[in-house]
Protein backbone atom coordinates (compact mmCIF):
# COMPACT_ATOMS: atom_id res chain seq x y z
CA MET A 1 173.92 129.64 100.55
CA PRO A 2 176.16 127.14 98.77
CA SER A 3 177.77 128.27 95.56
CA PRO A 4 177.04 126.34 92.36
CA VAL A 5 180.55 127.03 91.15
CA SER A 6 183.53 124.85 91.84
CA GLN A 7 185.45 124.73 95.06
CA PRO A 8 189.25 125.02 95.25
CA LEU A 9 191.09 121.79 95.77
CA ASP A 10 192.87 121.06 98.99
CA SER A 11 196.48 120.06 98.60
CA CYS A 12 196.13 116.28 98.50
CA THR A 13 199.42 114.58 97.71
CA ALA A 14 199.01 111.24 99.43
CA VAL A 15 200.35 108.37 97.34
CA THR A 16 198.92 104.89 97.46
CA VAL A 17 202.09 102.82 97.23
CA ASP A 18 200.68 99.66 95.69
CA HIS A 19 198.73 101.42 92.92
CA PRO A 20 199.78 103.69 90.05
CA PHE A 21 198.03 106.84 91.27
CA ARG A 22 197.95 109.62 93.84
CA VAL A 23 194.89 110.97 95.63
CA LEU A 24 193.66 114.29 94.26
CA ILE A 25 190.32 114.66 96.10
CA THR A 26 189.44 112.69 99.20
CA HIS A 27 186.13 110.88 99.67
CA ASP A 28 184.97 113.16 102.50
CA THR A 29 185.76 116.28 100.47
CA ILE A 30 183.74 114.92 97.54
CA LEU A 31 180.73 114.11 99.71
CA ARG A 32 180.71 117.58 101.28
CA ARG A 33 180.72 119.21 97.86
CA VAL A 34 178.03 116.87 96.51
CA ARG A 35 175.75 117.90 99.38
CA GLU A 36 176.31 121.57 98.48
CA ILE A 37 175.47 120.91 94.83
CA GLY A 38 172.30 119.08 95.86
CA ARG A 39 171.18 122.03 97.95
CA ALA A 40 171.85 124.42 95.07
CA ILE A 41 169.77 122.31 92.68
CA GLN A 42 166.90 122.23 95.19
CA GLN A 43 167.00 126.01 95.48
CA ASP A 44 167.06 126.52 91.71
CA PHE A 45 164.07 124.21 91.17
CA PRO A 46 161.79 124.98 94.14
CA SER A 47 158.53 123.77 92.57
CA GLU A 48 159.01 121.24 89.79
CA PRO A 49 162.28 119.32 89.58
CA PRO A 50 164.00 118.80 86.23
CA VAL A 51 164.33 115.46 84.52
CA GLY A 52 167.77 114.08 85.25
CA VAL A 53 169.98 112.59 82.54
CA VAL A 54 172.97 110.65 83.85
CA VAL A 55 175.88 110.23 81.45
CA ILE A 56 177.04 106.65 81.96
CA ASP A 57 179.03 104.91 83.05
CA GLY A 58 181.20 107.52 84.74
CA ALA A 59 178.53 109.63 86.47
CA ARG A 60 176.70 106.79 88.20
CA MET A 61 178.52 107.09 91.52
CA PHE A 62 178.22 110.88 91.52
CA VAL A 63 174.48 110.77 90.89
CA ARG A 64 173.92 108.03 93.47
CA HIS A 65 175.31 110.32 96.17
CA LEU A 66 173.60 113.38 94.67
CA GLN A 67 170.19 111.69 94.82
CA ARG A 68 170.55 111.25 98.58
CA THR A 69 170.76 115.03 99.01
CA LEU A 70 167.59 115.85 97.04
CA VAL A 71 164.40 116.24 99.05
CA ARG A 72 162.04 115.93 96.07
CA ALA A 73 162.06 112.85 93.90
CA MET A 74 163.26 113.30 90.34
CA GLU A 75 162.76 111.30 87.18
CA TRP A 76 166.11 109.86 86.09
CA HIS A 77 167.34 108.42 82.82
CA GLU A 78 170.72 107.03 81.83
CA LEU A 79 172.33 107.90 78.52
CA ARG A 80 175.61 106.68 77.12
CA ALA A 81 177.65 109.49 75.59
CA SER A 82 181.40 109.94 75.30
CA SER A 83 184.25 111.37 73.29
CA TYR A 84 186.71 108.85 74.74
CA GLY A 85 187.79 105.46 73.46
CA VAL A 86 190.14 103.33 75.55
CA GLY A 87 192.82 106.01 75.85
CA THR A 88 193.31 108.93 78.21
CA THR A 89 192.52 111.76 75.77
CA SER A 90 189.37 112.73 73.91
CA SER A 91 188.97 111.23 70.45
CA GLY A 92 187.24 114.40 69.24
CA THR A 93 184.17 112.49 68.07
CA VAL A 94 181.10 112.36 70.31
CA THR A 95 179.00 109.22 70.31
CA ILE A 96 175.52 109.31 71.89
CA GLY A 97 173.48 106.20 72.55
CA SER A 98 169.74 105.63 72.47
CA GLN A 99 167.50 107.81 74.63
CA GLY A 100 165.01 105.04 75.24
CA ASP A 101 161.75 106.52 76.54
CA LEU A 102 163.30 109.86 77.54
CA CYS A 103 161.10 112.74 76.36
CA VAL A 104 162.38 116.26 77.10
CA ALA A 105 159.92 118.45 75.15
CA GLY A 106 158.76 121.35 77.34
CA ARG A 107 160.77 120.15 80.33
CA ALA A 108 163.81 121.34 82.23
CA VAL A 109 166.72 118.92 81.88
CA LEU A 110 169.62 118.38 84.26
CA ILE A 111 172.58 116.60 82.68
CA VAL A 112 174.81 114.93 85.27
CA GLU A 113 178.41 114.27 84.19
CA ASP A 114 181.48 112.93 85.93
CA ILE A 115 183.96 115.26 84.18
CA VAL A 116 183.88 117.96 81.52
CA ASP A 117 187.15 118.62 79.77
CA THR A 118 186.89 119.44 76.03
CA GLY A 119 183.18 120.26 76.39
CA ARG A 120 182.25 118.36 73.22
CA THR A 121 180.02 115.78 74.91
CA ILE A 122 178.06 118.34 76.93
CA ALA A 123 177.66 120.62 73.91
CA ALA A 124 176.34 117.73 71.81
CA LEU A 125 173.86 116.67 74.52
CA ARG A 126 172.68 120.23 75.14
CA ASP A 127 172.14 120.80 71.41
CA ARG A 128 170.22 117.53 71.11
CA PHE A 129 167.88 118.25 74.01
CA LEU A 130 167.21 121.85 72.97
CA ALA A 131 166.48 120.66 69.43
CA GLN A 132 163.98 118.21 70.97
CA GLY A 133 162.18 121.09 72.68
CA ALA A 134 163.65 121.11 76.20
CA ALA A 135 162.61 124.23 78.10
CA GLN A 136 166.11 124.57 79.54
CA VAL A 137 169.22 122.45 79.96
CA ARG A 138 171.48 122.68 82.97
CA VAL A 139 174.65 120.77 83.72
CA ALA A 140 175.98 119.34 86.97
CA THR A 141 179.49 117.91 86.81
CA LEU A 142 181.66 116.55 89.55
CA LEU A 143 184.84 117.73 87.82
CA SER A 144 185.75 120.38 85.28
CA LYS A 145 189.06 120.62 83.45
CA PRO A 146 188.94 124.11 81.90
CA SER A 147 192.47 123.97 80.49
CA ARG A 148 191.28 121.28 78.07
CA ARG A 149 188.17 123.11 76.86
CA VAL A 150 187.75 123.37 73.09
CA VAL A 151 184.00 124.09 73.13
CA ASP A 152 182.67 126.89 75.32
CA VAL A 153 179.95 125.30 77.45
CA ALA A 154 178.08 126.68 80.45
CA LEU A 155 178.34 124.53 83.57
CA ASP A 156 175.77 125.31 86.24
CA TYR A 157 176.98 123.12 89.13
CA VAL A 158 180.66 122.24 89.32
CA GLY A 159 182.18 120.16 92.07
CA PHE A 160 185.85 120.88 91.51
CA GLU A 161 188.05 122.43 88.85
CA ILE A 162 191.11 120.28 88.34
CA PRO A 163 194.41 120.58 86.44
CA ASP A 164 195.12 118.84 83.15
CA GLU A 165 195.77 115.39 84.54
CA PHE A 166 194.04 112.09 83.78
CA VAL A 167 191.83 111.24 86.74
CA ILE A 168 189.97 108.10 87.72
CA GLY A 169 187.98 106.85 90.68
CA PHE A 170 184.57 107.77 92.10
CA GLY A 171 182.94 106.20 89.04
CA MET A 172 185.56 107.18 86.46
CA ASP A 173 187.66 104.48 84.89
CA TYR A 174 190.76 103.68 82.92
CA ALA A 175 189.96 100.96 80.37
CA GLY A 176 187.15 99.69 82.62
CA ARG A 177 189.20 99.63 85.84
CA TYR A 178 189.23 101.67 89.08
CA ARG A 179 185.62 102.95 89.03
CA GLU A 180 185.14 101.57 92.55
CA LEU A 181 187.75 103.85 94.15
CA GLU A 182 186.13 106.21 96.65
CA GLU A 183 188.56 109.05 95.93
CA VAL A 184 189.39 110.93 92.75
CA VAL A 185 192.96 110.01 91.89
CA VAL A 186 195.50 110.90 89.23
CA TYR A 187 196.52 107.96 87.08
CA ASP A 188 200.23 107.70 86.28
CA GLU A 189 200.68 105.68 83.08
CA ALA A 190 204.47 105.52 83.42
CA ARG A 191 204.22 104.23 86.96
CA ALA A 192 201.55 101.74 85.93
CA ALA A 193 203.77 100.40 83.16
CA SER A 194 206.76 100.01 85.45
CA SER A 195 204.72 98.24 88.13
CA GLY A 196 202.69 96.08 85.78
CA GLY A 197 199.43 97.81 86.92
């Protein structure tokens, strides 16, 4: 039975010479772990699936692959929420966009995130949905950065725990760039500045 907790990282030190980053998690490793998370969600919701809330833009690629692993169809909604501006560290202020037609009263909710570091965004979303009457709120995140946590939040399905480095790729960006990368990579600002990237 797959574990819902994170998997240890392999030692991935490959450097892409013409870009300012190094590979932290390979594409194949990500896909294997996403399949395990999908199976765990199926087992935890054997009868009625939760309503899925995708935190955009970063979690779109993660959820696209996650959806392929789920046998039962789920209702999905996208919600913009973030504590980041254009920099590489949390601003400390969480902004949450409109929910549109999302109604969570009496329902189980699955929040899907790309990365949880401070925990502020997840805590704000969980509090909002519970205040709106959600029966339960669970969280699936591709990445968790526990060394950065300032709010204690429960994470139910974690792909990988990572060190305190700024990561991009697999849907995550730096100032709108690099979301299309198939790996999770560490962004090196100093190297980017020296190379003009």
